Amino acid sequence: MTGTDNSPNGAGAPDVRIREMRWWDIGPVLELERELFPHDAWSKGLFWSELAHARGANANRRYVVAQTPDGIVGYAGLAVIDGTGDVQTIAVDQGYWGTGLGARLLSELLRTATAFECREVLLEVRVDNTRAQRLYERFGFEPVGIRRGYYQPGNVDALVMRMIPASEPSGASASSDAADSEQGTPHGSQG
């Protein structure tokens, strides 16, 4: 999927629909996951486990996919525990970087955090991924700490960022030049 030629240029990704991730999406999501994060890609079992916590009366996860007529071009997930949301993953096909799709996925996660009545939302981002950091800052995330050697291989530090959700995510209109690929808490990123 990387390098998709039909991605829109500039004003966003209007041909992309964001919807709930379902079990039948795991295959295409894994394909994109392995392209974007070859050294620390999530396993099929981890995605199954996360989705198992996304439905039912005790659901505390929300995973979404970004889909075009040609397939899945992005995905994102949020876990909620004791009033704290944790961005688990945000990933966008490289052919859609710069279209604002990462901002749309993050907006969806922040709406979910508000629905879950989260008091705060946390995420980790590679210290060398300044594009992603700028995106998160536009949404109101602020640095709160460093996790040394968090991302492997390479022993790259993670910047921990935090925001307090408002009724509507403040970065909902964030510009599309932001980073559209970032992996969250359970494993690192190449991005």
N, C-alpha and C. Protein backbone atom coordinates (compact mmCIF):
# COMPACT_ATOMS: atom_id res chain seq x y z
N MET A 1 0.80 -1.20 0.00
CA MET A 1 0.00 0.00 0.00
C MET A 1 0.84 1.26 0.00
N THR A 2 2.07 1.16 0.46
CA THR A 2 2.91 2.35 0.50
C THR A 2 3.07 2.91 -0.90
N GLY A 3 3.00 4.24 -0.98
CA GLY A 3 3.17 4.90 -2.25
C GLY A 3 1.92 4.89 -3.11
N THR A 4 0.79 4.75 -2.52
CA THR A 4 -0.47 4.75 -3.26
C THR A 4 -0.56 6.01 -4.11
N ASP A 5 -0.85 5.84 -5.41
CA ASP A 5 -0.89 6.96 -6.33
C ASP A 5 -2.20 7.73 -6.30
N ASN A 6 -3.25 7.15 -5.76
CA ASN A 6 -4.55 7.81 -5.81
C ASN A 6 -4.82 8.69 -4.59
N SER A 7 -3.81 8.95 -3.78
CA SER A 7 -4.03 9.79 -2.60
C SER A 7 -4.27 11.22 -3.02
N PRO A 8 -5.17 11.89 -2.34
CA PRO A 8 -5.44 13.28 -2.67
C PRO A 8 -4.26 14.15 -2.32
N ASN A 9 -4.15 15.25 -2.96
CA ASN A 9 -3.03 16.16 -2.74
C ASN A 9 -3.53 17.44 -2.11
N GLY A 10 -3.00 17.77 -0.93
CA GLY A 10 -3.29 19.08 -0.36
C GLY A 10 -4.42 19.12 0.64
N ALA A 11 -5.65 19.33 0.21
CA ALA A 11 -6.76 19.72 1.07
C ALA A 11 -7.31 18.60 1.93
N GLY A 12 -6.60 17.53 2.10
CA GLY A 12 -7.09 16.45 2.95
C GLY A 12 -7.36 15.21 2.14
N ALA A 13 -7.95 14.24 2.78
CA ALA A 13 -8.19 12.95 2.15
C ALA A 13 -9.70 12.68 2.10
N PRO A 14 -10.43 13.36 1.19
CA PRO A 14 -11.88 13.25 1.18
C PRO A 14 -12.40 11.86 0.79
N ASP A 15 -11.59 11.06 0.11
CA ASP A 15 -12.04 9.74 -0.29
C ASP A 15 -11.84 8.70 0.79
N VAL A 16 -11.44 9.13 1.97
CA VAL A 16 -11.15 8.22 3.07
C VAL A 16 -12.27 8.27 4.10
N ARG A 17 -12.78 7.10 4.43
CA ARG A 17 -13.83 6.98 5.44
C ARG A 17 -13.23 6.35 6.70
N ILE A 18 -13.48 6.95 7.85
CA ILE A 18 -13.01 6.39 9.12
C ILE A 18 -14.16 5.64 9.76
N ARG A 19 -13.88 4.40 10.14
CA ARG A 19 -14.90 3.53 10.73
C ARG A 19 -14.26 2.64 11.78
N GLU A 20 -15.11 1.99 12.57
CA GLU A 20 -14.63 1.06 13.59
C GLU A 20 -13.85 -0.08 12.96
N MET A 21 -12.72 -0.45 13.58
CA MET A 21 -11.96 -1.61 13.14
C MET A 21 -12.68 -2.87 13.57
N ARG A 22 -12.76 -3.82 12.68
CA ARG A 22 -13.37 -5.12 12.96
C ARG A 22 -12.35 -6.23 12.72
N TRP A 23 -12.67 -7.44 13.14
CA TRP A 23 -11.72 -8.54 13.06
C TRP A 23 -11.25 -8.79 11.63
N TRP A 24 -12.11 -8.57 10.65
CA TRP A 24 -11.73 -8.83 9.27
C TRP A 24 -10.74 -7.78 8.73
N ASP A 25 -10.52 -6.72 9.49
CA ASP A 25 -9.53 -5.72 9.10
C ASP A 25 -8.12 -6.07 9.55
N ILE A 26 -7.97 -7.06 10.41
CA ILE A 26 -6.66 -7.35 10.98
C ILE A 26 -5.63 -7.69 9.90
N GLY A 27 -6.00 -8.46 8.90
CA GLY A 27 -5.06 -8.82 7.83
C GLY A 27 -4.50 -7.60 7.12
N PRO A 28 -5.36 -6.73 6.57
CA PRO A 28 -4.83 -5.54 5.90
C PRO A 28 -4.10 -4.58 6.85
N VAL A 29 -4.56 -4.50 8.09
CA VAL A 29 -3.88 -3.64 9.06
C VAL A 29 -2.48 -4.19 9.35
N LEU A 30 -2.36 -5.50 9.49
CA LEU A 30 -1.05 -6.11 9.72
C LEU A 30 -0.10 -5.85 8.56
N GLU A 31 -0.61 -5.89 7.35
CA GLU A 31 0.22 -5.61 6.17
C GLU A 31 0.78 -4.19 6.26
N LEU A 32 -0.07 -3.22 6.57
CA LEU A 32 0.38 -1.84 6.70
C LEU A 32 1.30 -1.68 7.90
N GLU A 33 0.97 -2.33 8.99
CA GLU A 33 1.79 -2.30 10.21
C GLU A 33 3.22 -2.75 9.90
N ARG A 34 3.35 -3.85 9.18
CA ARG A 34 4.69 -4.39 8.87
C ARG A 34 5.46 -3.49 7.91
N GLU A 35 4.76 -2.80 7.02
CA GLU A 35 5.42 -1.84 6.14
C GLU A 35 5.97 -0.65 6.92
N LEU A 36 5.15 -0.11 7.81
CA LEU A 36 5.52 1.11 8.52
C LEU A 36 6.44 0.86 9.70
N PHE A 37 6.32 -0.28 10.34
CA PHE A 37 7.07 -0.57 11.58
C PHE A 37 7.71 -1.95 11.49
N PRO A 38 8.63 -2.15 10.54
CA PRO A 38 9.16 -3.49 10.31
C PRO A 38 9.91 -4.10 11.49
N HIS A 39 10.49 -3.28 12.35
CA HIS A 39 11.29 -3.80 13.46
C HIS A 39 10.48 -4.10 14.71
N ASP A 40 9.30 -3.54 14.82
CA ASP A 40 8.53 -3.73 16.04
C ASP A 40 7.03 -3.80 15.77
N ALA A 41 6.68 -4.42 14.67
CA ALA A 41 5.26 -4.54 14.30
C ALA A 41 4.50 -5.36 15.33
N TRP A 42 3.26 -4.95 15.56
CA TRP A 42 2.39 -5.71 16.43
C TRP A 42 2.08 -7.06 15.78
N SER A 43 1.75 -8.02 16.59
CA SER A 43 1.38 -9.35 16.10
C SER A 43 -0.13 -9.41 15.84
N LYS A 44 -0.52 -10.43 15.12
CA LYS A 44 -1.94 -10.69 14.89
C LYS A 44 -2.65 -10.88 16.23
N GLY A 45 -2.02 -11.62 17.13
CA GLY A 45 -2.61 -11.88 18.45
C GLY A 45 -2.82 -10.61 19.25
N LEU A 46 -1.90 -9.67 19.15
CA LEU A 46 -2.06 -8.41 19.89
C LEU A 46 -3.25 -7.62 19.36
N PHE A 47 -3.40 -7.57 18.03
CA PHE A 47 -4.57 -6.88 17.48
C PHE A 47 -5.86 -7.58 17.90
N TRP A 48 -5.89 -8.90 17.88
CA TRP A 48 -7.08 -9.64 18.32
C TRP A 48 -7.40 -9.30 19.76
N SER A 49 -6.37 -9.28 20.60
CA SER A 49 -6.57 -8.97 22.02
C SER A 49 -7.13 -7.56 22.20
N GLU A 50 -6.58 -6.60 21.50
CA GLU A 50 -7.06 -5.23 21.61
C GLU A 50 -8.52 -5.12 21.16
N LEU A 51 -8.86 -5.76 20.04
CA LEU A 51 -10.24 -5.70 19.55
C LEU A 51 -11.20 -6.41 20.49
N ALA A 52 -10.73 -7.42 21.21
CA ALA A 52 -11.59 -8.12 22.17
C ALA A 52 -12.03 -7.19 23.30
N HIS A 53 -11.24 -6.16 23.56
CA HIS A 53 -11.58 -5.19 24.60
C HIS A 53 -12.31 -3.96 24.06
N ALA A 54 -12.68 -4.01 22.77
CA ALA A 54 -13.29 -2.84 22.14
C ALA A 54 -14.81 -2.96 22.00
N ARG A 55 -15.38 -4.06 22.43
CA ARG A 55 -16.82 -4.25 22.29
C ARG A 55 -17.40 -4.80 23.58
N GLY A 56 -18.67 -4.59 23.75
CA GLY A 56 -19.36 -5.14 24.91
C GLY A 56 -19.49 -4.14 26.04
N ALA A 57 -20.13 -4.59 27.09
CA ALA A 57 -20.44 -3.71 28.22
C ALA A 57 -19.21 -3.16 28.92
N ASN A 58 -18.13 -3.91 28.93
CA ASN A 58 -16.91 -3.47 29.62
C ASN A 58 -15.83 -2.98 28.67
N ALA A 59 -16.22 -2.55 27.48
CA ALA A 59 -15.24 -2.09 26.49
C ALA A 59 -14.42 -0.93 27.04
N ASN A 60 -13.10 -1.02 26.85
CA ASN A 60 -12.22 0.07 27.25
C ASN A 60 -11.18 0.37 26.17
N ARG A 61 -11.49 0.00 24.95
CA ARG A 61 -10.63 0.27 23.80
C ARG A 61 -11.50 0.79 22.66
N ARG A 62 -10.86 1.50 21.75
CA ARG A 62 -11.52 1.93 20.51
C ARG A 62 -10.46 1.92 19.43
N TYR A 63 -10.71 1.15 18.40
CA TYR A 63 -9.82 1.08 17.24
C TYR A 63 -10.61 1.43 16.01
N VAL A 64 -10.00 2.23 15.14
CA VAL A 64 -10.65 2.65 13.90
C VAL A 64 -9.68 2.42 12.75
N VAL A 65 -10.26 2.30 11.56
CA VAL A 65 -9.46 2.22 10.34
C VAL A 65 -9.88 3.36 9.42
N ALA A 66 -8.95 3.75 8.57
CA ALA A 66 -9.21 4.72 7.50
C ALA A 66 -9.24 3.91 6.21
N GLN A 67 -10.37 3.94 5.53
CA GLN A 67 -10.56 3.09 4.37
C GLN A 67 -10.90 3.91 3.13
N THR A 68 -10.28 3.54 2.02
CA THR A 68 -10.60 4.09 0.71
C THR A 68 -11.27 2.97 -0.09
N PRO A 69 -11.77 3.25 -1.28
CA PRO A 69 -12.31 2.17 -2.10
C PRO A 69 -11.27 1.09 -2.41
N ASP A 70 -9.97 1.45 -2.33
CA ASP A 70 -8.90 0.49 -2.62
C ASP A 70 -8.41 -0.28 -1.40
N GLY A 71 -8.83 0.09 -0.20
CA GLY A 71 -8.39 -0.63 0.99
C GLY A 71 -8.09 0.28 2.16
N ILE A 72 -7.49 -0.32 3.17
CA ILE A 72 -7.18 0.39 4.41
C ILE A 72 -5.87 1.15 4.25
N VAL A 73 -5.91 2.45 4.59
CA VAL A 73 -4.74 3.31 4.46
C VAL A 73 -4.32 3.92 5.79
N GLY A 74 -4.94 3.51 6.88
CA GLY A 74 -4.56 4.00 8.19
C GLY A 74 -5.38 3.34 9.28
N TYR A 75 -4.90 3.46 10.50
CA TYR A 75 -5.62 2.92 11.64
C TYR A 75 -5.13 3.62 12.90
N ALA A 76 -5.92 3.53 13.95
CA ALA A 76 -5.56 4.16 15.22
C ALA A 76 -6.30 3.46 16.35
N GLY A 77 -5.73 3.55 17.55
CA GLY A 77 -6.37 2.93 18.69
C GLY A 77 -6.11 3.67 19.99
N LEU A 78 -7.08 3.57 20.88
CA LEU A 78 -7.03 4.20 22.19
C LEU A 78 -7.44 3.18 23.24
N ALA A 79 -6.70 3.13 24.34
CA ALA A 79 -7.08 2.33 25.50
C ALA A 79 -7.43 3.29 26.64
N VAL A 80 -8.41 2.92 27.46
CA VAL A 80 -8.83 3.76 28.58
C VAL A 80 -8.80 2.93 29.85
N ILE A 81 -8.08 3.44 30.85
CA ILE A 81 -8.00 2.77 32.15
C ILE A 81 -8.08 3.83 33.23
N ASP A 82 -9.06 3.69 34.12
CA ASP A 82 -9.21 4.58 35.28
C ASP A 82 -9.19 6.07 34.90
N GLY A 83 -9.91 6.42 33.86
CA GLY A 83 -10.04 7.82 33.47
C GLY A 83 -8.88 8.40 32.68
N THR A 84 -7.93 7.54 32.31
CA THR A 84 -6.80 7.98 31.49
C THR A 84 -6.85 7.28 30.15
N GLY A 85 -6.84 8.08 29.09
CA GLY A 85 -6.76 7.52 27.75
C GLY A 85 -5.31 7.40 27.34
N ASP A 86 -4.98 6.35 26.62
CA ASP A 86 -3.62 6.14 26.15
C ASP A 86 -3.68 5.83 24.66
N VAL A 87 -3.11 6.71 23.84
CA VAL A 87 -3.06 6.47 22.40
C VAL A 87 -2.11 5.30 22.18
N GLN A 88 -2.67 4.20 21.72
CA GLN A 88 -1.90 2.99 21.52
C GLN A 88 -1.16 3.00 20.18
N THR A 89 -1.81 3.54 19.16
CA THR A 89 -1.23 3.53 17.83
C THR A 89 -1.95 4.52 16.93
N ILE A 90 -1.19 5.13 16.05
CA ILE A 90 -1.72 5.89 14.92
C ILE A 90 -0.76 5.60 13.77
N ALA A 91 -1.30 5.14 12.66
CA ALA A 91 -0.46 4.82 11.51
C ALA A 91 -1.20 5.17 10.23
N VAL A 92 -0.47 5.73 9.28
CA VAL A 92 -1.04 6.14 8.00
C VAL A 92 -0.10 5.69 6.89
N ASP A 93 -0.67 5.10 5.86
CA ASP A 93 0.08 4.72 4.67
C ASP A 93 0.88 5.92 4.17
N GLN A 94 2.13 5.70 3.78
CA GLN A 94 3.00 6.79 3.37
C GLN A 94 2.43 7.58 2.19
N GLY A 95 1.64 6.94 1.34
CA GLY A 95 1.02 7.64 0.23
C GLY A 95 0.00 8.68 0.67
N TYR A 96 -0.41 8.63 1.95
CA TYR A 96 -1.39 9.58 2.49
C TYR A 96 -0.78 10.53 3.51
N TRP A 97 0.54 10.49 3.69
CA TRP A 97 1.19 11.45 4.59
C TRP A 97 0.98 12.85 4.02
N GLY A 98 0.74 13.80 4.89
CA GLY A 98 0.57 15.18 4.47
C GLY A 98 -0.83 15.52 4.01
N THR A 99 -1.77 14.58 4.12
CA THR A 99 -3.14 14.84 3.68
C THR A 99 -4.06 15.22 4.83
N GLY A 100 -3.56 15.16 6.06
CA GLY A 100 -4.40 15.44 7.22
C GLY A 100 -5.05 14.20 7.80
N LEU A 101 -4.76 13.04 7.24
CA LEU A 101 -5.39 11.81 7.73
C LEU A 101 -4.96 11.49 9.16
N GLY A 102 -3.71 11.72 9.50
CA GLY A 102 -3.27 11.50 10.88
C GLY A 102 -4.05 12.36 11.86
N ALA A 103 -4.30 13.61 11.47
CA ALA A 103 -5.09 14.52 12.32
C ALA A 103 -6.52 14.03 12.45
N ARG A 104 -7.09 13.51 11.37
CA ARG A 104 -8.46 12.97 11.44
C ARG A 104 -8.52 11.76 12.37
N LEU A 105 -7.53 10.89 12.29
CA LEU A 105 -7.52 9.72 13.18
C LEU A 105 -7.34 10.15 14.63
N LEU A 106 -6.45 11.09 14.88
CA LEU A 106 -6.26 11.57 16.25
C LEU A 106 -7.53 12.25 16.77
N SER A 107 -8.20 13.02 15.93
CA SER A 107 -9.47 13.64 16.33
C SER A 107 -10.48 12.59 16.76
N GLU A 108 -10.54 11.50 16.02
CA GLU A 108 -11.47 10.41 16.37
C GLU A 108 -11.11 9.82 17.73
N LEU A 109 -9.83 9.62 17.99
CA LEU A 109 -9.43 9.08 19.29
C LEU A 109 -9.77 10.05 20.41
N LEU A 110 -9.60 11.34 20.18
CA LEU A 110 -9.91 12.32 21.22
C LEU A 110 -11.41 12.44 21.46
N ARG A 111 -12.22 12.26 20.43
CA ARG A 111 -13.67 12.20 20.64
C ARG A 111 -14.03 10.99 21.50
N THR A 112 -13.34 9.90 21.25
CA THR A 112 -13.55 8.69 22.05
C THR A 112 -13.15 8.95 23.50
N ALA A 113 -12.02 9.61 23.71
CA ALA A 113 -11.56 9.92 25.07
C ALA A 113 -12.61 10.77 25.80
N THR A 114 -13.20 11.71 25.09
CA THR A 114 -14.26 12.53 25.68
C THR A 114 -15.47 11.67 26.02
N ALA A 115 -15.86 10.77 25.13
CA ALA A 115 -17.00 9.89 25.38
C ALA A 115 -16.74 8.98 26.58
N PHE A 116 -15.50 8.55 26.76
CA PHE A 116 -15.13 7.73 27.91
C PHE A 116 -14.91 8.57 29.16
N GLU A 117 -15.08 9.89 29.05
CA GLU A 117 -14.90 10.82 30.15
C GLU A 117 -13.49 10.77 30.73
N CYS A 118 -12.49 10.69 29.84
CA CYS A 118 -11.10 10.68 30.28
C CYS A 118 -10.71 12.04 30.84
N ARG A 119 -9.98 12.01 31.93
CA ARG A 119 -9.45 13.24 32.53
C ARG A 119 -8.18 13.69 31.82
N GLU A 120 -7.48 12.74 31.20
CA GLU A 120 -6.25 13.04 30.49
C GLU A 120 -6.03 11.98 29.41
N VAL A 121 -5.22 12.35 28.42
CA VAL A 121 -4.83 11.42 27.37
C VAL A 121 -3.31 11.47 27.26
N LEU A 122 -2.69 10.32 27.24
CA LEU A 122 -1.24 10.21 27.15
C LEU A 122 -0.85 9.54 25.84
N LEU A 123 0.39 9.77 25.42
CA LEU A 123 0.95 9.04 24.29
C LEU A 123 2.47 9.11 24.38
N GLU A 124 3.12 8.20 23.67
CA GLU A 124 4.56 8.24 23.52
C GLU A 124 4.86 8.49 22.05
N VAL A 125 5.92 9.25 21.80
CA VAL A 125 6.36 9.54 20.45
C VAL A 125 7.89 9.54 20.45
N ARG A 126 8.46 9.04 19.38
CA ARG A 126 9.92 9.04 19.28
C ARG A 126 10.43 10.48 19.38
N VAL A 127 11.52 10.66 20.13
CA VAL A 127 12.08 12.01 20.27
C VAL A 127 12.57 12.55 18.94
N ASP A 128 12.87 11.69 17.98
CA ASP A 128 13.34 12.15 16.68
C ASP A 128 12.21 12.32 15.66
N ASN A 129 10.96 12.14 16.07
CA ASN A 129 9.82 12.30 15.17
C ASN A 129 9.17 13.66 15.42
N THR A 130 9.83 14.70 14.95
CA THR A 130 9.35 16.06 15.22
C THR A 130 8.04 16.37 14.48
N ARG A 131 7.82 15.75 13.33
CA ARG A 131 6.56 15.99 12.62
C ARG A 131 5.38 15.53 13.46
N ALA A 132 5.48 14.34 14.04
CA ALA A 132 4.40 13.83 14.89
C ALA A 132 4.24 14.71 16.13
N GLN A 133 5.34 15.15 16.71
CA GLN A 133 5.27 16.01 17.88
C GLN A 133 4.52 17.30 17.58
N ARG A 134 4.76 17.88 16.41
CA ARG A 134 4.04 19.11 16.03
C ARG A 134 2.54 18.85 15.91
N LEU A 135 2.18 17.71 15.33
CA LEU A 135 0.76 17.36 15.24
C LEU A 135 0.15 17.29 16.63
N TYR A 136 0.79 16.57 17.52
CA TYR A 136 0.25 16.39 18.87
C TYR A 136 0.18 17.73 19.61
N GLU A 137 1.16 18.58 19.42
CA GLU A 137 1.13 19.89 20.07
C GLU A 137 -0.06 20.72 19.58
N ARG A 138 -0.38 20.63 18.29
CA ARG A 138 -1.54 21.37 17.77
C ARG A 138 -2.84 20.88 18.40
N PHE A 139 -2.86 19.66 18.88
CA PHE A 139 -4.04 19.12 19.55
C PHE A 139 -4.01 19.38 21.05
N GLY A 140 -3.00 20.08 21.53
CA GLY A 140 -2.94 20.43 22.94
C GLY A 140 -2.09 19.51 23.79
N PHE A 141 -1.39 18.56 23.19
CA PHE A 141 -0.49 17.70 23.96
C PHE A 141 0.76 18.48 24.35
N GLU A 142 1.22 18.23 25.57
CA GLU A 142 2.43 18.87 26.08
C GLU A 142 3.38 17.80 26.60
N PRO A 143 4.69 18.00 26.42
CA PRO A 143 5.66 17.03 26.94
C PRO A 143 5.60 16.96 28.46
N VAL A 144 5.65 15.73 29.00
CA VAL A 144 5.66 15.56 30.45
C VAL A 144 6.78 14.66 30.94
N GLY A 145 7.52 14.06 30.04
CA GLY A 145 8.60 13.18 30.47
C GLY A 145 9.27 12.48 29.31
N ILE A 146 10.30 11.71 29.65
CA ILE A 146 11.08 10.94 28.67
C ILE A 146 11.15 9.50 29.17
N ARG A 147 11.01 8.56 28.26
CA ARG A 147 11.27 7.15 28.56
C ARG A 147 12.52 6.76 27.80
N ARG A 148 13.60 6.59 28.53
CA ARG A 148 14.91 6.31 27.94
C ARG A 148 14.93 4.93 27.26
N GLY A 149 15.45 4.91 26.04
CA GLY A 149 15.64 3.66 25.32
C GLY A 149 14.36 2.90 25.02
N TYR A 150 13.25 3.59 24.93
CA TYR A 150 11.92 2.97 24.78
C TYR A 150 11.75 2.24 23.46
N TYR A 151 12.25 2.85 22.37
CA TYR A 151 12.04 2.27 21.04
C TYR A 151 13.26 1.46 20.63
N GLN A 152 12.99 0.24 20.19
CA GLN A 152 14.04 -0.66 19.74
C GLN A 152 13.73 -1.09 18.31
N PRO A 153 14.69 -1.40 17.49
CA PRO A 153 16.12 -1.25 17.76
C PRO A 153 16.53 0.21 17.73
N GLY A 154 17.72 0.46 18.17
CA GLY A 154 18.25 1.81 18.12
C GLY A 154 18.28 2.51 19.45
N ASN A 155 17.58 1.95 20.44
CA ASN A 155 17.62 2.54 21.78
C ASN A 155 17.21 4.01 21.76
N VAL A 156 16.13 4.33 21.04
CA VAL A 156 15.65 5.71 20.89
C VAL A 156 14.70 6.04 22.03
N ASP A 157 14.86 7.23 22.59
CA ASP A 157 14.00 7.66 23.69
C ASP A 157 12.60 8.00 23.18
N ALA A 158 11.64 7.88 24.08
CA ALA A 158 10.26 8.29 23.80
C ALA A 158 9.95 9.54 24.60
N LEU A 159 9.32 10.49 23.94
CA LEU A 159 8.79 11.66 24.61
C LEU A 159 7.36 11.32 25.03
N VAL A 160 7.07 11.45 26.31
CA VAL A 160 5.72 11.22 26.81
C VAL A 160 4.99 12.56 26.76
N MET A 161 3.80 12.54 26.14
CA MET A 161 3.02 13.77 26.01
C MET A 161 1.64 13.55 26.62
N ARG A 162 1.06 14.64 27.12
CA ARG A 162 -0.23 14.58 27.82
C ARG A 162 -1.10 15.75 27.40
N MET A 163 -2.41 15.50 27.35
CA MET A 163 -3.37 16.59 27.14
C MET A 163 -4.62 16.32 27.95
N ILE A 164 -5.31 17.40 28.25
CA ILE A 164 -6.59 17.33 28.96
C ILE A 164 -7.68 17.53 27.91
N PRO A 165 -8.54 16.54 27.69
CA PRO A 165 -9.57 16.68 26.66
C PRO A 165 -10.57 17.79 26.97
N ALA A 166 -10.97 18.46 25.92
CA ALA A 166 -12.05 19.45 26.00
C ALA A 166 -13.29 18.80 25.39
N SER A 167 -14.36 19.52 25.30
CA SER A 167 -15.57 18.95 24.70
C SER A 167 -15.36 18.62 23.23
N GLU A 168 -14.54 19.38 22.52
CA GLU A 168 -14.16 19.10 21.14
C GLU A 168 -12.64 19.19 21.06
N PRO A 169 -11.98 18.24 20.38
CA PRO A 169 -10.52 18.30 20.27
C PRO A 169 -10.08 19.63 19.66
N SER A 170 -9.13 20.30 20.32
CA SER A 170 -8.69 21.61 19.86
C SER A 170 -7.96 21.56 18.54
N GLY A 171 -7.40 20.42 18.17
CA GLY A 171 -6.65 20.33 16.93
C GLY A 171 -7.45 19.79 15.78
N ALA A 172 -8.76 19.76 15.91
CA ALA A 172 -9.59 19.17 14.86
C ALA A 172 -9.34 19.80 13.51
N SER A 173 -8.90 21.02 13.48
CA SER A 173 -8.61 21.66 12.20
C SER A 173 -7.10 21.79 11.98
N ALA A 174 -6.33 20.94 12.64
CA ALA A 174 -4.88 21.00 12.49
C ALA A 174 -4.49 20.86 11.03
N SER A 175 -3.44 21.56 10.65
CA SER A 175 -3.04 21.55 9.25
C SER A 175 -2.54 20.17 8.85
N SER A 176 -2.54 19.92 7.55
CA SER A 176 -2.25 18.58 7.05
C SER A 176 -0.77 18.32 6.85
N ASP A 177 0.12 19.22 7.21
CA ASP A 177 1.54 18.96 7.04
C ASP A 177 2.11 18.16 8.21
N ALA A 178 1.25 17.74 9.11
CA ALA A 178 1.69 17.03 10.31
C ALA A 178 2.06 15.61 9.99
N ALA A 179 2.74 15.00 10.92
CA ALA A 179 3.12 13.60 10.78
C ALA A 179 1.88 12.74 10.78
N ASP A 180 1.87 11.77 9.91
CA ASP A 180 0.72 10.89 9.80
C ASP A 180 1.10 9.46 10.11
N SER A 181 2.18 9.24 10.80
CA SER A 181 2.57 7.89 11.17
C SER A 181 3.24 7.92 12.53
N GLU A 182 2.66 7.24 13.47
CA GLU A 182 3.26 7.15 14.79
C GLU A 182 2.70 5.92 15.48
N GLN A 183 3.51 5.23 16.17
CA GLN A 183 3.11 4.06 16.91
C GLN A 183 3.16 4.40 18.38
N GLY A 184 2.25 3.89 19.14
CA GLY A 184 2.11 4.27 20.53
C GLY A 184 2.63 3.28 21.51
N THR A 185 2.02 3.20 22.64
CA THR A 185 2.50 2.61 23.86
C THR A 185 3.06 1.20 23.77
N PRO A 186 2.34 0.18 23.29
CA PRO A 186 2.85 -1.16 23.42
C PRO A 186 4.15 -1.43 22.67
N HIS A 187 4.47 -0.67 21.64
CA HIS A 187 5.74 -0.87 20.95
C HIS A 187 6.14 0.41 20.25
N GLY A 188 7.33 0.44 19.75
CA GLY A 188 7.92 1.65 19.21
C GLY A 188 7.50 1.96 17.79
N SER A 189 8.18 2.93 17.21
CA SER A 189 7.83 3.31 15.85
C SER A 189 9.06 3.57 15.02
N GLN A 190 8.87 3.48 13.76
CA GLN A 190 9.84 3.95 12.78
C GLN A 190 9.11 5.03 12.05
N GLY A 191 9.32 6.24 12.36
CA GLY A 191 8.46 7.19 11.69
C GLY A 191 9.00 8.52 11.75
